[in-house]
Each structure stands twice: as structure tokens, then as C-alpha cells.
Amino acid sequence: MIPSDKFVQKVEAEYLRLIADLLKTGDIDFTTAKESAKELLGNLPFISCEDMHEKLKNFTKKYPKFEKIFIFFLKDLEKENTQNLLDKMKYLMKSGKFDESLKLNQK
């Protein structure tokens, strides 16, 4: 699955909030902020959620202060996957395909 632009933008916005907080508290310096931004932007575009997962995981290994970004990504990905599943189940139920709908939940 290719991550939606909205999903990527939410992760980017969270990164920007985190970088501002880290700079404000002195947990990172301007050079680290600049280097991390270049690295994160260098990972774009994400070709799939798996690609995004791997790139963010590697990013936070290199920049441990940004681990919250990876955690945010994982939580939001779970929310998005759950919503997609619910939407599919709802569509199948409306189509009268109750067994197929319930089988989706068993995967």
C-alpha cells in the first residue's frame, strides 16, 4: 500500500513539532536539526508503507532523539489500516456479503 499524501504530511508535521521542541529544550543543536531534515527529505518519496517503515526506522537509529516520529508513524499506520479494514467490511456488508466481510476481520 502506498501511503497517502495526507498520511505522509501528518508524519512530516509531527517531525516539525518534534524538531522545534528539541531545539527549544536544547536536546539537539541547529546542525543536527539541519542534517536530520536533509536526511528525512532525502528519503522521500515513500513507495510503500513498508518502505516508509524501513526508512523511518533507519532514520531514528541514526537520530535517536527522533524516535517519537517512528512511534507516531506506527500508531497512525495502525489507525489507517484499521479504518481501511472497517471501510472494506462496511462495503461488503452493504453488498450483502456478510461472510466475506467477517472473514476480513479474521486475517
C-alpha atoms as a PDB file:
ATOM      1  CA  MET A   1       0.000   0.000   0.000  1.00  0.00           C
ATOM      2  CA  ILE A   2       1.306   3.446  -0.914  1.00  0.00           C
ATOM      3  CA  PRO A   3       0.996   5.885   1.986  1.00  0.00           C
ATOM      4  CA  SER A   4      -1.425   8.701   1.228  1.00  0.00           C
ATOM      5  CA  ASP A   5      -0.134  12.248   0.926  1.00  0.00           C
ATOM      6  CA  LYS A   6      -2.235  13.145   3.958  1.00  0.00           C
ATOM      7  CA  PHE A   7      -0.589  10.382   5.992  1.00  0.00           C
ATOM      8  CA  VAL A   8       2.933  11.468   4.974  1.00  0.00           C
ATOM      9  CA  GLN A   9       2.056  15.093   5.748  1.00  0.00           C
ATOM     10  CA  LYS A  10       0.901  14.126   9.251  1.00  0.00           C
ATOM     11  CA  VAL A  11       4.233  12.396   9.900  1.00  0.00           C
ATOM     12  CA  GLU A  12       6.128  15.397   8.493  1.00  0.00           C
ATOM     13  CA  ALA A  13       4.123  17.792  10.689  1.00  0.00           C
ATOM     14  CA  GLU A  14       4.886  15.674  13.737  1.00  0.00           C
ATOM     15  CA  TYR A  15       8.580  15.757  12.793  1.00  0.00           C
ATOM     16  CA  LEU A  16       8.474  19.562  12.590  1.00  0.00           C
ATOM     17  CA  ARG A  17       6.784  19.813  16.004  1.00  0.00           C
ATOM     18  CA  LEU A  18       9.373  17.485  17.474  1.00  0.00           C
ATOM     19  CA  ILE A  19      12.318  19.312  15.923  1.00  0.00           C
ATOM     20  CA  ALA A  20      11.013  22.619  17.304  1.00  0.00           C
ATOM     21  CA  ASP A  21      10.653  21.102  20.772  1.00  0.00           C
ATOM     22  CA  LEU A  22      14.118  19.535  20.666  1.00  0.00           C
ATOM     23  CA  LEU A  23      15.704  22.807  19.567  1.00  0.00           C
ATOM     24  CA  LYS A  24      13.806  24.735  22.230  1.00  0.00           C
ATOM     25  CA  THR A  25      14.912  22.385  25.004  1.00  0.00           C
ATOM     26  CA  GLY A  26      18.481  22.225  23.709  1.00  0.00           C
ATOM     27  CA  ASP A  27      18.341  18.462  23.158  1.00  0.00           C
ATOM     28  CA  ILE A  28      19.669  18.994  19.634  1.00  0.00           C
ATOM     29  CA  ASP A  29      21.633  21.795  18.007  1.00  0.00           C
ATOM     30  CA  PHE A  30      20.900  23.610  14.762  1.00  0.00           C
ATOM     31  CA  THR A  31      23.391  21.475  12.812  1.00  0.00           C
ATOM     32  CA  THR A  32      21.703  18.243  13.898  1.00  0.00           C
ATOM     33  CA  ALA A  33      18.297  19.704  13.043  1.00  0.00           C
ATOM     34  CA  LYS A  34      19.517  20.680   9.579  1.00  0.00           C
ATOM     35  CA  GLU A  35      21.222  17.329   8.915  1.00  0.00           C
ATOM     36  CA  SER A  36      18.199  15.348  10.097  1.00  0.00           C
ATOM     37  CA  ALA A  37      15.874  17.411   7.891  1.00  0.00           C
ATOM     38  CA  LYS A  38      18.094  16.791   4.855  1.00  0.00           C
ATOM     39  CA  GLU A  39      18.161  13.076   5.633  1.00  0.00           C
ATOM     40  CA  LEU A  40      14.400  12.843   6.155  1.00  0.00           C
ATOM     41  CA  LEU A  41      13.680  14.751   2.943  1.00  0.00           C
ATOM     42  CA  GLY A  42      16.184  12.527   1.131  1.00  0.00           C
ATOM     43  CA  ASN A  43      14.008   9.539   1.995  1.00  0.00           C
ATOM     44  CA  LEU A  44      11.055  10.944   0.049  1.00  0.00           C
ATOM     45  CA  PRO A  45       9.012   9.784  -1.713  1.00  0.00           C
ATOM     46  CA  PHE A  46       7.973   6.665   0.129  1.00  0.00           C
ATOM     47  CA  ILE A  47       6.987   3.982  -2.374  1.00  0.00           C
ATOM     48  CA  SER A  48       5.027   1.921   0.143  1.00  0.00           C
ATOM     49  CA  CYS A  49       4.162   1.794   3.824  1.00  0.00           C
ATOM     50  CA  GLU A  50       6.825  -0.884   4.201  1.00  0.00           C
ATOM     51  CA  ASP A  51       9.366   1.436   2.579  1.00  0.00           C
ATOM     52  CA  MET A  52       8.280   4.260   4.882  1.00  0.00           C
ATOM     53  CA  HIS A  53       8.548   1.931   7.879  1.00  0.00           C
ATOM     54  CA  GLU A  54      12.089   0.872   6.973  1.00  0.00           C
ATOM     55  CA  LYS A  55      13.303   4.381   6.168  1.00  0.00           C
ATOM     56  CA  LEU A  56      11.876   5.890   9.367  1.00  0.00           C
ATOM     57  CA  LYS A  57      13.279   3.022  11.420  1.00  0.00           C
ATOM     58  CA  ASN A  58      16.746   3.631   9.954  1.00  0.00           C
ATOM     59  CA  PHE A  59      16.335   7.388  10.392  1.00  0.00           C
ATOM     60  CA  THR A  60      15.603   7.006  14.105  1.00  0.00           C
ATOM     61  CA  LYS A  61      18.542   4.623  14.527  1.00  0.00           C
ATOM     62  CA  LYS A  62      20.786   7.384  13.196  1.00  0.00           C
ATOM     63  CA  TYR A  63      18.936  10.120  15.107  1.00  0.00           C
ATOM     64  CA  PRO A  64      17.604   8.517  18.325  1.00  0.00           C
ATOM     65  CA  LYS A  65      16.194  11.834  19.573  1.00  0.00           C
ATOM     66  CA  PHE A  66      13.579  11.497  16.824  1.00  0.00           C
ATOM     67  CA  GLU A  67      12.285   8.097  17.923  1.00  0.00           C
ATOM     68  CA  LYS A  68       8.881   9.683  18.603  1.00  0.00           C
ATOM     69  CA  ILE A  69       8.491  10.072  14.831  1.00  0.00           C
ATOM     70  CA  PHE A  70       8.732   6.332  14.326  1.00  0.00           C
ATOM     71  CA  ILE A  71       6.304   5.654  17.178  1.00  0.00           C
ATOM     72  CA  PHE A  72       3.884   8.247  15.773  1.00  0.00           C
ATOM     73  CA  PHE A  73       4.152   6.595  12.348  1.00  0.00           C
ATOM     74  CA  LEU A  74       3.423   3.141  13.785  1.00  0.00           C
ATOM     75  CA  LYS A  75       0.383   4.360  15.733  1.00  0.00           C
ATOM     76  CA  ASP A  76      -1.017   6.320  12.824  1.00  0.00           C
ATOM     77  CA  LEU A  77      -0.392   3.457  10.404  1.00  0.00           C
ATOM     78  CA  GLU A  78      -2.345   1.143  12.681  1.00  0.00           C
ATOM     79  CA  LYS A  79      -5.215   3.644  12.769  1.00  0.00           C
ATOM     80  CA  GLU A  80      -5.196   3.950   8.977  1.00  0.00           C
ATOM     81  CA  ASN A  81      -5.092   0.174   8.475  1.00  0.00           C
ATOM     82  CA  THR A  82      -7.947  -0.307  10.935  1.00  0.00           C
ATOM     83  CA  GLN A  83     -10.046   2.337   9.176  1.00  0.00           C
ATOM     84  CA  ASN A  84      -9.362   0.739   5.776  1.00  0.00           C
ATOM     85  CA  LEU A  85     -10.444  -2.650   7.133  1.00  0.00           C
ATOM     86  CA  LEU A  86     -13.625  -1.190   8.614  1.00  0.00           C
ATOM     87  CA  ASP A  87     -14.429   0.569   5.341  1.00  0.00           C
ATOM     88  CA  LYS A  88     -14.000  -2.694   3.399  1.00  0.00           C
ATOM     89  CA  MET A  89     -16.149  -4.596   5.891  1.00  0.00           C
ATOM     90  CA  LYS A  90     -18.855  -1.929   5.716  1.00  0.00           C
ATOM     91  CA  TYR A  91     -18.851  -2.026   1.909  1.00  0.00           C
ATOM     92  CA  LEU A  92     -19.119  -5.822   1.827  1.00  0.00           C
ATOM     93  CA  MET A  93     -21.931  -5.841   4.396  1.00  0.00           C
ATOM     94  CA  LYS A  94     -23.877  -3.242   2.423  1.00  0.00           C
ATOM     95  CA  SER A  95     -23.443  -5.511  -0.615  1.00  0.00           C
ATOM     96  CA  GLY A  96     -24.901  -8.415   1.350  1.00  0.00           C
ATOM     97  CA  LYS A  97     -21.568 -10.250   1.514  1.00  0.00           C
ATOM     98  CA  PHE A  98     -21.620 -10.839   5.265  1.00  0.00           C
ATOM     99  CA  ASP A  99     -19.383 -13.924   5.273  1.00  0.00           C
ATOM    100  CA  GLU A 100     -16.692 -12.178   3.213  1.00  0.00           C
ATOM    101  CA  SER A 101     -16.897  -9.164   5.497  1.00  0.00           C
ATOM    102  CA  LEU A 102     -16.413 -11.236   8.625  1.00  0.00           C
ATOM    103  CA  LYS A 103     -13.539 -13.195   7.049  1.00  0.00           C
ATOM    104  CA  LEU A 104     -11.644  -9.932   6.517  1.00  0.00           C
ATOM    105  CA  ASN A 105     -11.545  -9.470  10.267  1.00  0.00           C
ATOM    106  CA  GLN A 106     -10.034 -12.929  10.773  1.00  0.00           C
ATOM    107  CA  LYS A 107      -6.872 -12.183   8.758  1.00  0.00           C
END
